[in-house]
Amino acid sequence: MRPIALFLLSFLVVGCSPGERIGEVLIRTDAAGKMVTVSMRKSTGNPKADARVMLYARTTFPSRVPDAKPNSSYTHLVLGDPKTSSGDVRVWGPLGLR
């Protein structure tokens, strides 16, 4: 898919999804397009939820972005209820290229 189509699709999906945007996971690629780092761009406020979301992003990145661009950054949106402390969060929508 084209980057613009992915952006529009993610905008529509996120706009229709339940929950609030409570965090973001940042994934960076190297010169070969391989994942180098996974970090929280914006924390959910719950260390267990952050760890779970980063693990999910790390394990699903190769299948969600099979042709990752070299030296790029991708983000996963993290949705959930900011009032709960249970760490019940979801990673939502396709990855966005930054």
N, C-alpha and C. Protein backbone atom coordinates (compact mmCIF):
# COMPACT_ATOMS: atom_id res chain seq x y z
N MET A 1 0.84 -1.20 0.00
CA MET A 1 0.00 0.00 0.00
C MET A 1 0.87 1.24 0.00
N ARG A 2 0.33 2.27 -0.49
CA ARG A 2 1.04 3.54 -0.50
C ARG A 2 0.99 4.17 0.89
N PRO A 3 2.03 4.96 1.23
CA PRO A 3 2.06 5.60 2.56
C PRO A 3 0.83 6.47 2.84
N ILE A 4 0.33 7.17 1.83
CA ILE A 4 -0.84 8.04 2.04
C ILE A 4 -2.07 7.19 2.35
N ALA A 5 -2.20 6.08 1.63
CA ALA A 5 -3.34 5.19 1.89
C ALA A 5 -3.27 4.61 3.29
N LEU A 6 -2.05 4.23 3.73
CA LEU A 6 -1.89 3.72 5.09
C LEU A 6 -2.25 4.78 6.12
N PHE A 7 -1.83 6.01 5.87
CA PHE A 7 -2.15 7.10 6.80
C PHE A 7 -3.66 7.31 6.89
N LEU A 8 -4.32 7.36 5.75
CA LEU A 8 -5.77 7.56 5.76
C LEU A 8 -6.49 6.39 6.42
N LEU A 9 -6.04 5.18 6.14
CA LEU A 9 -6.64 4.01 6.77
C LEU A 9 -6.44 4.05 8.29
N SER A 10 -5.24 4.38 8.73
CA SER A 10 -5.01 4.44 10.18
C SER A 10 -5.81 5.56 10.82
N PHE A 11 -5.96 6.68 10.13
CA PHE A 11 -6.76 7.78 10.65
C PHE A 11 -8.22 7.36 10.82
N LEU A 12 -8.76 6.67 9.82
CA LEU A 12 -10.15 6.21 9.90
C LEU A 12 -10.32 5.16 10.99
N VAL A 13 -9.39 4.22 11.07
CA VAL A 13 -9.50 3.15 12.06
C VAL A 13 -9.38 3.73 13.47
N VAL A 14 -8.42 4.59 13.69
CA VAL A 14 -8.23 5.17 15.02
C VAL A 14 -9.41 6.05 15.39
N GLY A 15 -9.95 6.77 14.42
CA GLY A 15 -11.09 7.62 14.70
C GLY A 15 -12.33 6.84 15.10
N CYS A 16 -12.44 5.60 14.65
CA CYS A 16 -13.61 4.77 14.95
C CYS A 16 -13.39 3.80 16.10
N SER A 17 -12.20 3.77 16.62
CA SER A 17 -11.88 2.77 17.63
C SER A 17 -12.30 3.19 19.03
N PRO A 18 -12.58 2.22 19.90
CA PRO A 18 -12.92 2.54 21.28
C PRO A 18 -11.66 2.88 22.06
N GLY A 19 -11.80 3.69 23.08
CA GLY A 19 -10.68 4.03 23.93
C GLY A 19 -9.98 5.30 23.47
N GLU A 20 -9.12 5.79 24.34
CA GLU A 20 -8.35 6.99 24.03
C GLU A 20 -6.92 6.61 23.69
N ARG A 21 -6.28 7.48 22.97
CA ARG A 21 -4.88 7.30 22.64
C ARG A 21 -4.08 7.61 23.91
N ILE A 22 -3.50 6.57 24.52
CA ILE A 22 -2.81 6.77 25.79
C ILE A 22 -1.31 6.53 25.69
N GLY A 23 -0.82 6.16 24.53
CA GLY A 23 0.61 5.94 24.39
C GLY A 23 1.00 5.68 22.95
N GLU A 24 2.32 5.65 22.71
CA GLU A 24 2.85 5.35 21.39
C GLU A 24 4.14 4.57 21.55
N VAL A 25 4.33 3.59 20.69
CA VAL A 25 5.56 2.81 20.65
C VAL A 25 6.32 3.24 19.41
N LEU A 26 7.61 3.51 19.56
CA LEU A 26 8.46 3.95 18.45
C LEU A 26 9.40 2.82 18.07
N ILE A 27 9.43 2.48 16.78
CA ILE A 27 10.33 1.45 16.25
C ILE A 27 11.22 2.11 15.21
N ARG A 28 12.52 1.92 15.35
CA ARG A 28 13.48 2.48 14.38
C ARG A 28 14.14 1.35 13.61
N THR A 29 14.43 1.62 12.33
CA THR A 29 15.10 0.65 11.48
C THR A 29 16.50 1.13 11.12
N ASP A 30 17.35 0.16 10.75
CA ASP A 30 18.72 0.49 10.35
C ASP A 30 18.81 0.67 8.84
N ALA A 31 20.04 0.74 8.32
CA ALA A 31 20.25 0.97 6.89
C ALA A 31 19.73 -0.18 6.03
N ALA A 32 19.58 -1.35 6.62
CA ALA A 32 19.06 -2.51 5.88
C ALA A 32 17.55 -2.67 6.02
N GLY A 33 16.91 -1.80 6.80
CA GLY A 33 15.47 -1.90 7.01
C GLY A 33 15.09 -2.86 8.12
N LYS A 34 16.08 -3.32 8.89
CA LYS A 34 15.83 -4.23 10.02
C LYS A 34 15.57 -3.43 11.29
N MET A 35 14.71 -3.96 12.15
CA MET A 35 14.37 -3.29 13.40
C MET A 35 15.62 -3.19 14.28
N VAL A 36 15.87 -1.98 14.80
CA VAL A 36 17.02 -1.75 15.66
C VAL A 36 16.58 -1.51 17.10
N THR A 37 15.64 -0.60 17.30
CA THR A 37 15.19 -0.28 18.65
C THR A 37 13.67 -0.23 18.72
N VAL A 38 13.17 -0.56 19.90
CA VAL A 38 11.75 -0.43 20.21
C VAL A 38 11.69 0.30 21.54
N SER A 39 10.98 1.42 21.57
CA SER A 39 10.88 2.20 22.81
C SER A 39 9.51 2.86 22.89
N MET A 40 9.18 3.32 24.09
CA MET A 40 7.92 4.04 24.28
C MET A 40 8.15 5.50 23.92
N ARG A 41 7.46 5.96 22.90
CA ARG A 41 7.52 7.38 22.54
C ARG A 41 6.71 8.19 23.55
N LYS A 42 5.57 7.62 23.94
CA LYS A 42 4.73 8.20 24.98
C LYS A 42 4.26 7.06 25.86
N SER A 43 4.62 7.08 27.14
CA SER A 43 4.29 6.01 28.06
C SER A 43 2.79 5.98 28.36
N THR A 44 2.30 4.78 28.67
CA THR A 44 0.90 4.63 29.08
C THR A 44 0.72 5.00 30.54
N GLY A 45 1.84 5.10 31.27
CA GLY A 45 1.77 5.36 32.70
C GLY A 45 1.77 4.09 33.53
N ASN A 46 1.79 2.95 32.86
CA ASN A 46 1.79 1.65 33.53
C ASN A 46 2.97 0.85 32.99
N PRO A 47 4.02 0.60 33.81
CA PRO A 47 5.20 -0.11 33.31
C PRO A 47 4.91 -1.49 32.73
N LYS A 48 3.97 -2.24 33.32
CA LYS A 48 3.63 -3.56 32.79
C LYS A 48 2.97 -3.44 31.41
N ALA A 49 2.09 -2.47 31.26
CA ALA A 49 1.43 -2.27 29.96
C ALA A 49 2.45 -1.83 28.93
N ASP A 50 3.37 -0.95 29.31
CA ASP A 50 4.42 -0.50 28.38
C ASP A 50 5.25 -1.69 27.90
N ALA A 51 5.65 -2.56 28.82
CA ALA A 51 6.46 -3.72 28.46
C ALA A 51 5.69 -4.66 27.53
N ARG A 52 4.42 -4.86 27.81
CA ARG A 52 3.59 -5.74 26.99
C ARG A 52 3.39 -5.18 25.58
N VAL A 53 3.17 -3.88 25.51
CA VAL A 53 2.97 -3.24 24.21
C VAL A 53 4.26 -3.26 23.39
N MET A 54 5.40 -3.02 24.04
CA MET A 54 6.68 -3.06 23.31
C MET A 54 6.99 -4.47 22.82
N LEU A 55 6.68 -5.48 23.62
CA LEU A 55 6.89 -6.86 23.19
C LEU A 55 6.01 -7.18 21.99
N TYR A 56 4.76 -6.75 22.03
CA TYR A 56 3.85 -6.97 20.91
C TYR A 56 4.38 -6.28 19.64
N ALA A 57 4.81 -5.03 19.77
CA ALA A 57 5.33 -4.29 18.62
C ALA A 57 6.58 -4.97 18.06
N ARG A 58 7.45 -5.45 18.95
CA ARG A 58 8.69 -6.10 18.53
C ARG A 58 8.41 -7.39 17.77
N THR A 59 7.46 -8.18 18.24
CA THR A 59 7.21 -9.48 17.62
C THR A 59 6.35 -9.40 16.36
N THR A 60 5.52 -8.37 16.24
CA THR A 60 4.65 -8.28 15.07
C THR A 60 5.17 -7.35 13.98
N PHE A 61 6.22 -6.60 14.26
CA PHE A 61 6.73 -5.64 13.27
C PHE A 61 7.10 -6.30 11.95
N PRO A 62 7.86 -7.40 11.93
CA PRO A 62 8.23 -8.00 10.64
C PRO A 62 7.04 -8.41 9.78
N SER A 63 5.96 -8.88 10.39
CA SER A 63 4.80 -9.29 9.59
C SER A 63 3.92 -8.09 9.21
N ARG A 64 3.89 -7.07 10.05
CA ARG A 64 3.05 -5.90 9.74
C ARG A 64 3.71 -4.98 8.73
N VAL A 65 5.04 -4.94 8.74
CA VAL A 65 5.78 -4.09 7.80
C VAL A 65 6.87 -4.95 7.16
N PRO A 66 6.52 -5.81 6.20
CA PRO A 66 7.51 -6.72 5.62
C PRO A 66 8.59 -6.01 4.82
N ASP A 67 8.29 -4.87 4.24
CA ASP A 67 9.27 -4.12 3.45
C ASP A 67 9.56 -2.79 4.14
N ALA A 68 10.12 -2.87 5.34
CA ALA A 68 10.41 -1.65 6.11
C ALA A 68 11.45 -0.81 5.40
N LYS A 69 11.27 0.48 5.45
CA LYS A 69 12.19 1.41 4.81
C LYS A 69 13.45 1.56 5.66
N PRO A 70 14.61 1.71 5.01
CA PRO A 70 15.85 1.89 5.76
C PRO A 70 15.88 3.22 6.51
N ASN A 71 16.53 3.21 7.67
CA ASN A 71 16.72 4.42 8.49
C ASN A 71 15.43 5.20 8.69
N SER A 72 14.38 4.50 9.09
CA SER A 72 13.08 5.12 9.30
C SER A 72 12.58 4.86 10.71
N SER A 73 11.52 5.57 11.08
CA SER A 73 10.86 5.38 12.37
C SER A 73 9.40 5.07 12.12
N TYR A 74 8.87 4.10 12.86
CA TYR A 74 7.46 3.71 12.76
C TYR A 74 6.84 3.81 14.14
N THR A 75 5.54 4.12 14.21
CA THR A 75 4.87 4.18 15.50
C THR A 75 3.64 3.29 15.53
N HIS A 76 3.41 2.69 16.70
CA HIS A 76 2.18 1.97 17.02
C HIS A 76 1.40 2.89 17.94
N LEU A 77 0.13 3.08 17.71
CA LEU A 77 -0.71 3.80 18.65
C LEU A 77 -1.18 2.82 19.72
N VAL A 78 -1.26 3.29 20.95
CA VAL A 78 -1.73 2.46 22.06
C VAL A 78 -3.01 3.09 22.58
N LEU A 79 -4.10 2.32 22.56
CA LEU A 79 -5.39 2.82 23.00
C LEU A 79 -5.82 2.12 24.28
N GLY A 80 -6.55 2.83 25.10
CA GLY A 80 -7.06 2.26 26.33
C GLY A 80 -7.80 3.30 27.13
N ASP A 81 -8.15 2.95 28.35
CA ASP A 81 -8.84 3.86 29.25
C ASP A 81 -7.82 4.45 30.22
N PRO A 82 -7.52 5.74 30.13
CA PRO A 82 -6.50 6.33 31.00
C PRO A 82 -6.89 6.35 32.47
N LYS A 83 -8.15 6.12 32.80
CA LYS A 83 -8.59 6.15 34.19
C LYS A 83 -8.34 4.84 34.91
N THR A 84 -8.14 3.75 34.16
CA THR A 84 -7.91 2.46 34.80
C THR A 84 -6.41 2.23 34.96
N SER A 85 -6.05 1.56 36.02
CA SER A 85 -4.64 1.26 36.26
C SER A 85 -4.33 -0.20 36.01
N SER A 86 -5.27 -0.92 35.38
CA SER A 86 -5.09 -2.36 35.18
C SER A 86 -4.11 -2.66 34.06
N GLY A 87 -3.81 -1.69 33.23
CA GLY A 87 -2.92 -1.94 32.11
C GLY A 87 -3.60 -2.61 30.95
N ASP A 88 -4.93 -2.56 30.89
CA ASP A 88 -5.67 -3.15 29.79
C ASP A 88 -5.60 -2.20 28.61
N VAL A 89 -4.66 -2.45 27.72
CA VAL A 89 -4.44 -1.57 26.57
C VAL A 89 -4.46 -2.40 25.30
N ARG A 90 -4.61 -1.72 24.17
CA ARG A 90 -4.58 -2.36 22.87
C ARG A 90 -3.68 -1.56 21.96
N VAL A 91 -2.95 -2.27 21.11
CA VAL A 91 -2.20 -1.62 20.05
C VAL A 91 -3.14 -1.61 18.87
N TRP A 92 -3.35 -0.44 18.28
CA TRP A 92 -4.40 -0.29 17.31
C TRP A 92 -3.89 0.22 15.98
N GLY A 93 -4.47 -0.27 14.94
CA GLY A 93 -4.23 0.27 13.60
C GLY A 93 -2.89 -0.12 13.01
N PRO A 94 -2.72 0.18 11.75
CA PRO A 94 -1.45 -0.12 11.09
C PRO A 94 -0.36 0.81 11.61
N LEU A 95 0.84 0.40 11.42
CA LEU A 95 1.96 1.24 11.83
C LEU A 95 2.00 2.49 10.98
N GLY A 96 2.33 3.60 11.59
CA GLY A 96 2.46 4.84 10.86
C GLY A 96 3.92 5.17 10.63
N LEU A 97 4.29 5.53 9.43
CA LEU A 97 5.65 5.89 9.09
C LEU A 97 5.90 7.32 9.51
N ARG A 98 6.98 7.54 10.24
CA ARG A 98 7.33 8.92 10.67
C ARG A 98 8.62 9.32 10.05
